[in-house]
Amino acid sequence: MTEQRIDLGLTSTSTAGGGCGDGCGCGHGAAASAPAVRADAATTDVIRVEGMTCAHCVRAVTEELNALDGVEVVDVELRVGDASLVRIAGTADDDALTAAIDEAGYTRVR
């Protein structure tokens, strides 16, 4: 049997590559990257967030979270077909983190 490969036309949603892919739906093409979480941060929370699909989404959530007192570093891992993972290093209050995600227009999954 011969192996057959079909190009599905998928676009990477990696924040390192940046930019929205065709079919993203947000209408933005801006690239975004997030720094890695530092080991010396007070705590690191991992929050699942629905609705994030592209670099614009990453930037919106990252900006809202970085505006909070106590947030040192934000790192977002986009996940196709699932809630994205947002890692927040620092001492910010959990309710404030949730409010910032809501303000950015996305939903925290509990």
PDB file of N, CA and C in Angstrom:
ATOM      1  N   MET A   1       0.840  -1.174   0.000  1.00  0.00           N
ATOM      2  CA  MET A   1       0.000   0.000   0.000  1.00  0.00           C
ATOM      3  C   MET A   1       0.889   1.244   0.000  1.00  0.00           C
ATOM      4  N   THR A   2       0.582   2.197  -0.821  1.00  0.00           N
ATOM      5  CA  THR A   2       1.349   3.424  -0.938  1.00  0.00           C
ATOM      6  C   THR A   2       0.785   4.477   0.007  1.00  0.00           C
ATOM      7  N   GLU A   3       1.700   5.152   0.723  1.00  0.00           N
ATOM      8  CA  GLU A   3       1.280   6.226   1.624  1.00  0.00           C
ATOM      9  C   GLU A   3       0.879   7.438   0.805  1.00  0.00           C
ATOM     10  N   GLN A   4      -0.244   8.011   1.153  1.00  0.00           N
ATOM     11  CA  GLN A   4      -0.740   9.182   0.445  1.00  0.00           C
ATOM     12  C   GLN A   4      -0.880  10.324   1.445  1.00  0.00           C
ATOM     13  N   ARG A   5      -0.304  11.466   1.142  1.00  0.00           N
ATOM     14  CA  ARG A   5      -0.395  12.634   2.023  1.00  0.00           C
ATOM     15  C   ARG A   5      -1.266  13.696   1.369  1.00  0.00           C
ATOM     16  N   ILE A   6      -2.125  14.262   2.172  1.00  0.00           N
ATOM     17  CA  ILE A   6      -3.025  15.303   1.691  1.00  0.00           C
ATOM     18  C   ILE A   6      -2.751  16.573   2.482  1.00  0.00           C
ATOM     19  N   ASP A   7      -2.495  17.676   1.775  1.00  0.00           N
ATOM     20  CA  ASP A   7      -2.291  18.965   2.434  1.00  0.00           C
ATOM     21  C   ASP A   7      -3.646  19.477   2.905  1.00  0.00           C
ATOM     22  N   LEU A   8      -3.785  19.627   4.215  1.00  0.00           N
ATOM     23  CA  LEU A   8      -5.044  20.088   4.787  1.00  0.00           C
ATOM     24  C   LEU A   8      -5.159  21.606   4.834  1.00  0.00           C
ATOM     25  N   GLY A   9      -4.078  22.313   4.488  1.00  0.00           N
ATOM     26  CA  GLY A   9      -4.119  23.768   4.475  1.00  0.00           C
ATOM     27  C   GLY A   9      -4.204  24.384   5.859  1.00  0.00           C
ATOM     28  N   LEU A  10      -3.725  23.665   6.869  1.00  0.00           N
ATOM     29  CA  LEU A  10      -3.775  24.181   8.233  1.00  0.00           C
ATOM     30  C   LEU A  10      -2.662  25.181   8.472  1.00  0.00           C
ATOM     31  N   THR A  11      -2.922  26.150   9.332  1.00  0.00           N
ATOM     32  CA  THR A  11      -1.943  27.166   9.683  1.00  0.00           C
ATOM     33  C   THR A  11      -1.588  27.008  11.148  1.00  0.00           C
ATOM     34  N   SER A  12      -0.316  27.119  11.461  1.00  0.00           N
ATOM     35  CA  SER A  12       0.144  27.003  12.843  1.00  0.00           C
ATOM     36  C   SER A  12      -0.461  28.100  13.696  1.00  0.00           C
ATOM     37  N   THR A  13      -0.856  27.738  14.917  1.00  0.00           N
ATOM     38  CA  THR A  13      -1.367  28.735  15.859  1.00  0.00           C
ATOM     39  C   THR A  13      -0.342  29.041  16.928  1.00  0.00           C
ATOM     40  N   SER A  14       0.881  28.654  16.713  1.00  0.00           N
ATOM     41  CA  SER A  14       1.947  28.900  17.684  1.00  0.00           C
ATOM     42  C   SER A  14       2.155  30.389  17.857  1.00  0.00           C
ATOM     43  N   THR A  15       2.305  30.825  19.112  1.00  0.00           N
ATOM     44  CA  THR A  15       2.552  32.241  19.362  1.00  0.00           C
ATOM     45  C   THR A  15       3.942  32.639  18.907  1.00  0.00           C
ATOM     46  N   ALA A  16       4.852  31.663  18.800  1.00  0.00           N
ATOM     47  CA  ALA A  16       6.208  31.979  18.358  1.00  0.00           C
ATOM     48  C   ALA A  16       6.217  32.365  16.888  1.00  0.00           C
ATOM     49  N   GLY A  17       5.357  31.727  16.080  1.00  0.00           N
ATOM     50  CA  GLY A  17       5.304  32.022  14.658  1.00  0.00           C
ATOM     51  C   GLY A  17       4.568  33.311  14.381  1.00  0.00           C
ATOM     52  N   GLY A  18       3.619  33.635  15.239  1.00  0.00           N
ATOM     53  CA  GLY A  18       2.879  34.880  15.147  1.00  0.00           C
ATOM     54  C   GLY A  18       1.876  34.922  14.019  1.00  0.00           C
ATOM     55  N   GLY A  19       0.970  35.832  14.122  1.00  0.00           N
ATOM     56  CA  GLY A  19       0.008  36.086  13.082  1.00  0.00           C
ATOM     57  C   GLY A  19      -1.184  35.163  13.130  1.00  0.00           C
ATOM     58  N   CYS A  20      -2.279  35.660  12.617  1.00  0.00           N
ATOM     59  CA  CYS A  20      -3.490  34.859  12.556  1.00  0.00           C
ATOM     60  C   CYS A  20      -3.457  34.014  11.298  1.00  0.00           C
ATOM     61  N   GLY A  21      -4.068  32.883  11.373  1.00  0.00           N
ATOM     62  CA  GLY A  21      -4.164  32.013  10.215  1.00  0.00           C
ATOM     63  C   GLY A  21      -5.484  32.233   9.511  1.00  0.00           C
ATOM     64  N   ASP A  22      -5.573  31.751   8.284  1.00  0.00           N
ATOM     65  CA  ASP A  22      -6.839  31.803   7.578  1.00  0.00           C
ATOM     66  C   ASP A  22      -7.868  31.035   8.391  1.00  0.00           C
ATOM     67  N   GLY A  23      -9.039  31.583   8.506  1.00  0.00           N
ATOM     68  CA  GLY A  23     -10.081  30.917   9.254  1.00  0.00           C
ATOM     69  C   GLY A  23     -10.085  31.240  10.735  1.00  0.00           C
ATOM     70  N   CYS A  24      -9.167  32.070  11.173  1.00  0.00           N
ATOM     71  CA  CYS A  24      -9.101  32.421  12.592  1.00  0.00           C
ATOM     72  C   CYS A  24     -10.379  33.133  13.009  1.00  0.00           C
ATOM     73  N   GLY A  25     -10.803  34.093  12.208  1.00  0.00           N
ATOM     74  CA  GLY A  25     -12.041  34.781  12.480  1.00  0.00           C
ATOM     75  C   GLY A  25     -11.930  36.067  13.279  1.00  0.00           C
ATOM     76  N   CYS A  26     -10.767  36.372  13.827  1.00  0.00           N
ATOM     77  CA  CYS A  26     -10.681  37.574  14.661  1.00  0.00           C
ATOM     78  C   CYS A  26     -10.416  38.823  13.824  1.00  0.00           C
ATOM     79  N   GLY A  27      -9.924  38.668  12.607  1.00  0.00           N
ATOM     80  CA  GLY A  27      -9.691  39.819  11.751  1.00  0.00           C
ATOM     81  C   GLY A  27      -8.381  40.533  11.976  1.00  0.00           C
ATOM     82  N   HIS A  28      -7.503  39.972  12.767  1.00  0.00           N
ATOM     83  CA  HIS A  28      -6.218  40.603  13.046  1.00  0.00           C
ATOM     84  C   HIS A  28      -5.090  39.750  12.509  1.00  0.00           C
ATOM     85  N   GLY A  29      -4.013  40.395  12.114  1.00  0.00           N
ATOM     86  CA  GLY A  29      -2.872  39.667  11.589  1.00  0.00           C
ATOM     87  C   GLY A  29      -1.608  39.937  12.367  1.00  0.00           C
ATOM     88  N   ALA A  30      -1.720  40.518  13.533  1.00  0.00           N
ATOM     89  CA  ALA A  30      -0.537  40.904  14.299  1.00  0.00           C
ATOM     90  C   ALA A  30       0.112  39.707  14.968  1.00  0.00           C
ATOM     91  N   ALA A  31       1.423  39.743  15.023  1.00  0.00           N
ATOM     92  CA  ALA A  31       2.173  38.691  15.705  1.00  0.00           C
ATOM     93  C   ALA A  31       2.312  39.042  17.180  1.00  0.00           C
ATOM     94  N   ALA A  32       2.398  38.013  17.993  1.00  0.00           N
ATOM     95  CA  ALA A  32       2.623  38.216  19.425  1.00  0.00           C
ATOM     96  C   ALA A  32       3.463  37.077  19.945  1.00  0.00           C
ATOM     97  N   SER A  33       4.275  37.376  20.908  1.00  0.00           N
ATOM     98  CA  SER A  33       5.018  36.319  21.571  1.00  0.00           C
ATOM     99  C   SER A  33       5.001  36.614  23.057  1.00  0.00           C
ATOM    100  N   ALA A  34       5.077  35.569  23.834  1.00  0.00           N
ATOM    101  CA  ALA A  34       5.046  35.733  25.280  1.00  0.00           C
ATOM    102  C   ALA A  34       6.319  35.154  25.859  1.00  0.00           C
ATOM    103  N   PRO A  35       6.880  35.817  26.864  1.00  0.00           N
ATOM    104  CA  PRO A  35       8.105  35.312  27.471  1.00  0.00           C
ATOM    105  C   PRO A  35       7.835  34.059  28.282  1.00  0.00           C
ATOM    106  N   ALA A  36       8.866  33.282  28.493  1.00  0.00           N
ATOM    107  CA  ALA A  36       8.750  32.086  29.321  1.00  0.00           C
ATOM    108  C   ALA A  36       8.570  32.477  30.783  1.00  0.00           C
ATOM    109  N   VAL A  37       7.958  31.598  31.546  1.00  0.00           N
ATOM    110  CA  VAL A  37       7.754  31.847  32.967  1.00  0.00           C
ATOM    111  C   VAL A  37       9.076  31.675  33.695  1.00  0.00           C
ATOM    112  N   ARG A  38       9.419  32.649  34.538  1.00  0.00           N
ATOM    113  CA  ARG A  38      10.666  32.598  35.302  1.00  0.00           C
ATOM    114  C   ARG A  38      10.515  31.658  36.487  1.00  0.00           C
ATOM    115  N   ALA A  39      11.582  30.960  36.814  1.00  0.00           N
ATOM    116  CA  ALA A  39      11.562  30.007  37.920  1.00  0.00           C
ATOM    117  C   ALA A  39      11.481  30.696  39.277  1.00  0.00           C
ATOM    118  N   ASP A  40      11.913  31.961  39.381  1.00  0.00           N
ATOM    119  CA  ASP A  40      11.947  32.633  40.674  1.00  0.00           C
ATOM    120  C   ASP A  40      10.661  33.390  41.008  1.00  0.00           C
ATOM    121  N   ALA A  41       9.618  33.242  40.208  1.00  0.00           N
ATOM    122  CA  ALA A  41       8.352  33.918  40.470  1.00  0.00           C
ATOM    123  C   ALA A  41       7.706  33.341  41.727  1.00  0.00           C
ATOM    124  N   ALA A  42       6.909  34.163  42.414  1.00  0.00           N
ATOM    125  CA  ALA A  42       6.291  33.753  43.673  1.00  0.00           C
ATOM    126  C   ALA A  42       5.441  32.493  43.499  1.00  0.00           C
ATOM    127  N   THR A  43       4.524  32.502  42.551  1.00  0.00           N
ATOM    128  CA  THR A  43       3.711  31.331  42.219  1.00  0.00           C
ATOM    129  C   THR A  43       3.422  31.363  40.733  1.00  0.00           C
ATOM    130  N   THR A  44       3.057  30.226  40.197  1.00  0.00           N
ATOM    131  CA  THR A  44       2.634  30.162  38.803  1.00  0.00           C
ATOM    132  C   THR A  44       1.270  29.495  38.757  1.00  0.00           C
ATOM    133  N   ASP A  45       0.273  30.235  38.289  1.00  0.00           N
ATOM    134  CA  ASP A  45      -1.069  29.701  38.106  1.00  0.00           C
ATOM    135  C   ASP A  45      -1.216  29.280  36.656  1.00  0.00           C
ATOM    136  N   VAL A  46      -1.874  28.155  36.424  1.00  0.00           N
ATOM    137  CA  VAL A  46      -2.192  27.716  35.073  1.00  0.00           C
ATOM    138  C   VAL A  46      -3.708  27.767  34.947  1.00  0.00           C
ATOM    139  N   ILE A  47      -4.168  28.589  34.018  1.00  0.00           N
ATOM    140  CA  ILE A  47      -5.596  28.816  33.825  1.00  0.00           C
ATOM    141  C   ILE A  47      -5.973  28.385  32.415  1.00  0.00           C
ATOM    142  N   ARG A  48      -7.090  27.686  32.290  1.00  0.00           N
ATOM    143  CA  ARG A  48      -7.613  27.297  30.977  1.00  0.00           C
ATOM    144  C   ARG A  48      -8.570  28.392  30.505  1.00  0.00           C
ATOM    145  N   VAL A  49      -8.399  28.816  29.240  1.00  0.00           N
ATOM    146  CA  VAL A  49      -9.199  29.912  28.691  1.00  0.00           C
ATOM    147  C   VAL A  49      -9.776  29.484  27.342  1.00  0.00           C
ATOM    148  N   GLU A  50     -11.087  29.653  27.175  1.00  0.00           N
ATOM    149  CA  GLU A  50     -11.766  29.312  25.922  1.00  0.00           C
ATOM    150  C   GLU A  50     -11.810  30.499  24.980  1.00  0.00           C
ATOM    151  N   GLY A  51     -11.792  30.202  23.678  1.00  0.00           N
ATOM    152  CA  GLY A  51     -12.028  31.211  22.661  1.00  0.00           C
ATOM    153  C   GLY A  51     -10.796  31.846  22.056  1.00  0.00           C
ATOM    154  N   MET A  52      -9.618  31.524  22.558  1.00  0.00           N
ATOM    155  CA  MET A  52      -8.388  32.109  22.021  1.00  0.00           C
ATOM    156  C   MET A  52      -7.927  31.277  20.827  1.00  0.00           C
ATOM    157  N   THR A  53      -7.693  31.952  19.680  1.00  0.00           N
ATOM    158  CA  THR A  53      -7.318  31.220  18.468  1.00  0.00           C
ATOM    159  C   THR A  53      -6.095  31.773  17.746  1.00  0.00           C
ATOM    160  N   CYS A  54      -5.603  32.948  18.142  1.00  0.00           N
ATOM    161  CA  CYS A  54      -4.544  33.571  17.344  1.00  0.00           C
ATOM    162  C   CYS A  54      -3.683  34.511  18.188  1.00  0.00           C
ATOM    163  N   ALA A  55      -2.714  35.118  17.541  1.00  0.00           N
ATOM    164  CA  ALA A  55      -1.797  36.033  18.218  1.00  0.00           C
ATOM    165  C   ALA A  55      -2.518  37.260  18.779  1.00  0.00           C
ATOM    166  N   HIS A  56      -3.546  37.742  18.100  1.00  0.00           N
ATOM    167  CA  HIS A  56      -4.314  38.874  18.623  1.00  0.00           C
ATOM    168  C   HIS A  56      -4.975  38.491  19.944  1.00  0.00           C
ATOM    169  N   CYS A  57      -5.517  37.288  20.013  1.00  0.00           N
ATOM    170  CA  CYS A  57      -6.135  36.797  21.246  1.00  0.00           C
ATOM    171  C   CYS A  57      -5.104  36.748  22.370  1.00  0.00           C
ATOM    172  N   VAL A  58      -3.930  36.233  22.051  1.00  0.00           N
ATOM    173  CA  VAL A  58      -2.843  36.145  23.031  1.00  0.00           C
ATOM    174  C   VAL A  58      -2.492  37.531  23.544  1.00  0.00           C
ATOM    175  N   ARG A  59      -2.355  38.483  22.634  1.00  0.00           N
ATOM    176  CA  ARG A  59      -1.988  39.842  23.021  1.00  0.00           C
ATOM    177  C   ARG A  59      -3.058  40.474  23.911  1.00  0.00           C
ATOM    178  N   ALA A  60      -4.325  40.288  23.566  1.00  0.00           N
ATOM    179  CA  ALA A  60      -5.411  40.884  24.354  1.00  0.00           C
ATOM    180  C   ALA A  60      -5.405  40.366  25.793  1.00  0.00           C
ATOM    181  N   VAL A  61      -5.279  39.063  25.954  1.00  0.00           N
ATOM    182  CA  VAL A  61      -5.268  38.471  27.296  1.00  0.00           C
ATOM    183  C   VAL A  61      -3.999  38.864  28.042  1.00  0.00           C
ATOM    184  N   THR A  62      -2.859  38.807  27.357  1.00  0.00           N
ATOM    185  CA  THR A  62      -1.579  39.138  27.984  1.00  0.00           C
ATOM    186  C   THR A  62      -1.564  40.580  28.482  1.00  0.00           C
ATOM    187  N   GLU A  63      -2.064  41.515  27.684  1.00  0.00           N
ATOM    188  CA  GLU A  63      -2.086  42.927  28.091  1.00  0.00           C
ATOM    189  C   GLU A  63      -2.962  43.141  29.321  1.00  0.00           C
ATOM    190  N   GLU A  64      -4.143  42.519  29.348  1.00  0.00           N
ATOM    191  CA  GLU A  64      -5.034  42.671  30.506  1.00  0.00           C
ATOM    192  C   GLU A  64      -4.400  42.097  31.768  1.00  0.00           C
ATOM    193  N   LEU A  65      -3.785  40.927  31.645  1.00  0.00           N
ATOM    194  CA  LEU A  65      -3.166  40.302  32.819  1.00  0.00           C
ATOM    195  C   LEU A  65      -1.945  41.086  33.295  1.00  0.00           C
ATOM    196  N   ASN A  66      -1.119  41.550  32.356  1.00  0.00           N
ATOM    197  CA  ASN A  66       0.079  42.313  32.734  1.00  0.00           C
ATOM    198  C   ASN A  66      -0.258  43.641  33.407  1.00  0.00           C
ATOM    199  N   ALA A  67      -1.463  44.153  33.202  1.00  0.00           N
ATOM    200  CA  ALA A  67      -1.877  45.410  33.828  1.00  0.00           C
ATOM    201  C   ALA A  67      -2.198  45.233  35.317  1.00  0.00           C
ATOM    202  N   LEU A  68      -2.322  43.992  35.769  1.00  0.00           N
ATOM    203  CA  LEU A  68      -2.651  43.729  37.171  1.00  0.00           C
ATOM    204  C   LEU A  68      -1.424  43.847  38.064  1.00  0.00           C
ATOM    205  N   ASP A  69      -1.625  44.370  39.269  1.00  0.00           N
ATOM    206  CA  ASP A  69      -0.560  44.369  40.272  1.00  0.00           C
ATOM    207  C   ASP A  69      -0.256  42.928  40.651  1.00  0.00           C
ATOM    208  N   GLY A  70       1.010  42.604  40.732  1.00  0.00           N
ATOM    209  CA  GLY A  70       1.420  41.275  41.152  1.00  0.00           C
ATOM    210  C   GLY A  70       1.690  40.301  40.028  1.00  0.00           C
ATOM    211  N   VAL A  71       1.340  40.653  38.791  1.00  0.00           N
ATOM    212  CA  VAL A  71       1.635  39.767  37.658  1.00  0.00           C
ATOM    213  C   VAL A  71       3.036  40.081  37.166  1.00  0.00           C
ATOM    214  N   GLU A  72       3.884  39.061  37.156  1.00  0.00           N
ATOM    215  CA  GLU A  72       5.266  39.232  36.708  1.00  0.00           C
ATOM    216  C   GLU A  72       5.456  38.779  35.265  1.00  0.00           C
ATOM    217  N   VAL A  73       4.911  37.614  34.929  1.00  0.00           N
ATOM    218  CA  VAL A  73       5.096  37.046  33.593  1.00  0.00           C
ATOM    219  C   VAL A  73       3.822  36.324  33.183  1.00  0.00           C
ATOM    220  N   VAL A  74       3.459  36.457  31.901  1.00  0.00           N
ATOM    221  CA  VAL A  74       2.321  35.736  31.337  1.00  0.00           C
ATOM    222  C   VAL A  74       2.822  34.941  30.140  1.00  0.00           C
ATOM    223  N   ASP A  75       2.427  33.670  30.067  1.00  0.00           N
ATOM    224  CA  ASP A  75       2.794  32.805  28.946  1.00  0.00           C
ATOM    225  C   ASP A  75       1.528  32.102  28.481  1.00  0.00           C
ATOM    226  N   VAL A  76       1.261  32.141  27.173  1.00  0.00           N
ATOM    227  CA  VAL A  76       0.048  31.532  26.634  1.00  0.00           C
ATOM    228  C   VAL A  76       0.420  30.404  25.684  1.00  0.00           C
ATOM    229  N   GLU A  77      -0.245  29.271  25.864  1.00  0.00           N
ATOM    230  CA  GLU A  77      -0.100  28.127  24.963  1.00  0.00           C
ATOM    231  C   GLU A  77      -1.441  27.926  24.264  1.00  0.00           C
ATOM    232  N   LEU A  78      -1.506  28.326  22.986  1.00  0.00           N
ATOM    233  CA  LEU A  78      -2.738  28.140  22.223  1.00  0.00           C
ATOM    234  C   LEU A  78      -2.936  26.661  21.941  1.00  0.00           C
ATOM    235  N   ARG A  79      -4.182  26.213  22.032  1.00  0.00           N
ATOM    236  CA  ARG A  79      -4.506  24.811  21.762  1.00  0.00           C
ATOM    237  C   ARG A  79      -5.673  24.762  20.794  1.00  0.00           C
ATOM    238  N   VAL A  80      -5.467  24.117  19.663  1.00  0.00           N
ATOM    239  CA  VAL A  80      -6.505  23.994  18.651  1.00  0.00           C
ATOM    240  C   VAL A  80      -7.572  23.025  19.146  1.00  0.00           C
ATOM    241  N   GLY A  81      -8.822  23.441  19.114  1.00  0.00           N
ATOM    242  CA  GLY A  81      -9.927  22.582  19.492  1.00  0.00           C
ATOM    243  C   GLY A  81     -10.077  22.351  20.985  1.00  0.00           C
ATOM    244  N   ASP A  82      -9.380  23.101  21.802  1.00  0.00           N
ATOM    245  CA  ASP A  82      -9.446  22.943  23.253  1.00  0.00           C
ATOM    246  C   ASP A  82      -9.175  24.302  23.892  1.00  0.00           C
ATOM    247  N   ALA A  83      -9.403  24.379  25.177  1.00  0.00           N
ATOM    248  CA  ALA A  83      -9.089  25.615  25.893  1.00  0.00           C
ATOM    249  C   ALA A  83      -7.578  25.828  25.900  1.00  0.00           C
ATOM    250  N   SER A  84      -7.150  27.061  25.696  1.00  0.00           N
ATOM    251  CA  SER A  84      -5.726  27.401  25.735  1.00  0.00           C
ATOM    252  C   SER A  84      -5.263  27.454  27.184  1.00  0.00           C
ATOM    253  N   LEU A  85      -3.954  27.270  27.385  1.00  0.00           N
ATOM    254  CA  LEU A  85      -3.384  27.338  28.728  1.00  0.00           C
ATOM    255  C   LEU A  85      -2.690  28.680  28.908  1.00  0.00           C
ATOM    256  N   VAL A  86      -3.015  29.367  29.991  1.00  0.00           N
ATOM    257  CA  VAL A  86      -2.392  30.643  30.313  1.00  0.00           C
ATOM    258  C   VAL A  86      -1.671  30.465  31.644  1.00  0.00           C
ATOM    259  N   ARG A  87      -0.354  30.652  31.615  1.00  0.00           N
ATOM    260  CA  ARG A  87       0.455  30.546  32.830  1.00  0.00           C
ATOM    261  C   ARG A  87       0.782  31.957  33.306  1.00  0.00           C
ATOM    262  N   ILE A  88       0.482  32.214  34.571  1.00  0.00           N
ATOM    263  CA  ILE A  88       0.700  33.537  35.135  1.00  0.00           C
ATOM    264  C   ILE A  88       1.600  33.398  36.353  1.00  0.00           C
ATOM    265  N   ALA A  89       2.764  34.029  36.292  1.00  0.00           N
ATOM    266  CA  ALA A  89       3.696  34.008  37.417  1.00  0.00           C
ATOM    267  C   ALA A  89       3.539  35.299  38.202  1.00  0.00           C
ATOM    268  N   GLY A  90       3.492  35.168  39.507  1.00  0.00           N
ATOM    269  CA  GLY A  90       3.391  36.342  40.355  1.00  0.00           C
ATOM    270  C   GLY A  90       2.507  36.097  41.554  1.00  0.00           C
ATOM    271  N   THR A  91       1.983  37.183  42.089  1.00  0.00           N
ATOM    272  CA  THR A  91       1.201  37.113  43.322  1.00  0.00           C
ATOM    273  C   THR A  91      -0.206  37.668  43.161  1.00  0.00           C
ATOM    274  N   ALA A  92      -0.680  37.846  41.934  1.00  0.00           N
ATOM    275  CA  ALA A  92      -2.000  38.433  41.700  1.00  0.00           C
ATOM    276  C   ALA A  92      -3.103  37.531  42.244  1.00  0.00           C
ATOM    277  N   ASP A  93      -4.169  38.144  42.707  1.00  0.00           N
ATOM    278  CA  ASP A  93      -5.342  37.471  43.247  1.00  0.00           C
ATOM    279  C   ASP A  93      -6.079  36.703  42.146  1.00  0.00           C
ATOM    280  N   ASP A  94      -6.586  35.515  42.482  1.00  0.00           N
ATOM    281  CA  ASP A  94      -7.278  34.660  41.521  1.00  0.00           C
ATOM    282  C   ASP A  94      -8.501  35.342  40.912  1.00  0.00           C
ATOM    283  N   ASP A  95      -9.279  36.047  41.719  1.00  0.00           N
ATOM    284  CA  ASP A  95     -10.461  36.745  41.205  1.00  0.00           C
ATOM    285  C   ASP A  95     -10.066  37.848  40.229  1.00  0.00           C
ATOM    286  N   ALA A  96      -8.953  38.518  40.494  1.00  0.00           N
ATOM    287  CA  ALA A  96      -8.469  39.569  39.592  1.00  0.00           C
ATOM    288  C   ALA A  96      -8.027  38.968  38.258  1.00  0.00           C
ATOM    289  N   LEU A  97      -7.401  37.794  38.301  1.00  0.00           N
ATOM    290  CA  LEU A  97      -6.987  37.125  37.062  1.00  0.00           C
ATOM    291  C   LEU A  97      -8.204  36.795  36.206  1.00  0.00           C
ATOM    292  N   THR A  98      -9.232  36.247  36.839  1.00  0.00           N
ATOM    293  CA  THR A  98     -10.459  35.900  36.120  1.00  0.00           C
ATOM    294  C   THR A  98     -11.115  37.145  35.530  1.00  0.00           C
ATOM    295  N   ALA A  99     -11.169  38.229  36.294  1.00  0.00           N
ATOM    296  CA  ALA A  99     -11.770  39.478  35.813  1.00  0.00           C
ATOM    297  C   ALA A  99     -10.999  40.031  34.614  1.00  0.00           C
ATOM    298  N   ALA A 100      -9.673  39.934  34.636  1.00  0.00           N
ATOM    299  CA  ALA A 100      -8.858  40.429  33.523  1.00  0.00           C
ATOM    300  C   ALA A 100      -9.109  39.612  32.259  1.00  0.00           C
ATOM    301  N   ILE A 101      -9.247  38.308  32.404  1.00  0.00           N
ATOM    302  CA  ILE A 101      -9.538  37.448  31.249  1.00  0.00           C
ATOM    303  C   ILE A 101     -10.908  37.794  30.682  1.00  0.00           C
ATOM    304  N   ASP A 102     -11.895  38.003  31.556  1.00  0.00           N
ATOM    305  CA  ASP A 102     -13.228  38.424  31.116  1.00  0.00           C
ATOM    306  C   ASP A 102     -13.165  39.767  30.392  1.00  0.00           C
ATOM    307  N   GLU A 103     -12.394  40.703  30.935  1.00  0.00           N
ATOM    308  CA  GLU A 103     -12.253  42.035  30.333  1.00  0.00           C
ATOM    309  C   GLU A 103     -11.663  41.948  28.925  1.00  0.00           C
ATOM    310  N   ALA A 104     -10.774  40.981  28.716  1.00  0.00           N
ATOM    311  CA  ALA A 104     -10.172  40.790  27.392  1.00  0.00           C
ATOM    312  C   ALA A 104     -11.162  40.156  26.412  1.00  0.00           C
ATOM    313  N   GLY A 105     -12.284  39.653  26.924  1.00  0.00           N
ATOM    314  CA  GLY A 105     -13.312  39.087  26.053  1.00  0.00           C
ATOM    315  C   GLY A 105     -13.289  37.572  25.949  1.00  0.00           C
ATOM    316  N   TYR A 106     -12.650  36.913  26.890  1.00  0.00           N
ATOM    317  CA  TYR A 106     -12.533  35.454  26.843  1.00  0.00           C
ATOM    318  C   TYR A 106     -13.086  34.852  28.128  1.00  0.00           C
ATOM    319  N   THR A 107     -13.230  33.532  28.144  1.00  0.00           N
ATOM    320  CA  THR A 107     -13.864  32.843  29.256  1.00  0.00           C
ATOM    321  C   THR A 107     -12.910  31.884  29.942  1.00  0.00           C
ATOM    322  N   ARG A 108     -12.794  32.028  31.245  1.00  0.00           N
ATOM    323  CA  ARG A 108     -11.985  31.093  32.029  1.00  0.00           C
ATOM    324  C   ARG A 108     -12.779  29.803  32.219  1.00  0.00           C
ATOM    325  N   VAL A 109     -12.104  28.675  32.029  1.00  0.00           N
ATOM    326  CA  VAL A 109     -12.720  27.364  32.230  1.00  0.00           C
ATOM    327  C   VAL A 109     -12.313  26.876  33.609  1.00  0.00           C
ATOM    328  N   ARG A 110     -13.278  26.524  34.412  1.00  0.00           N
ATOM    329  CA  ARG A 110     -12.968  26.029  35.770  1.00  0.00           C
ATOM    330  C   ARG A 110     -13.137  24.542  35.830  1.00  0.00           C
TER     331      ARG A 110
END
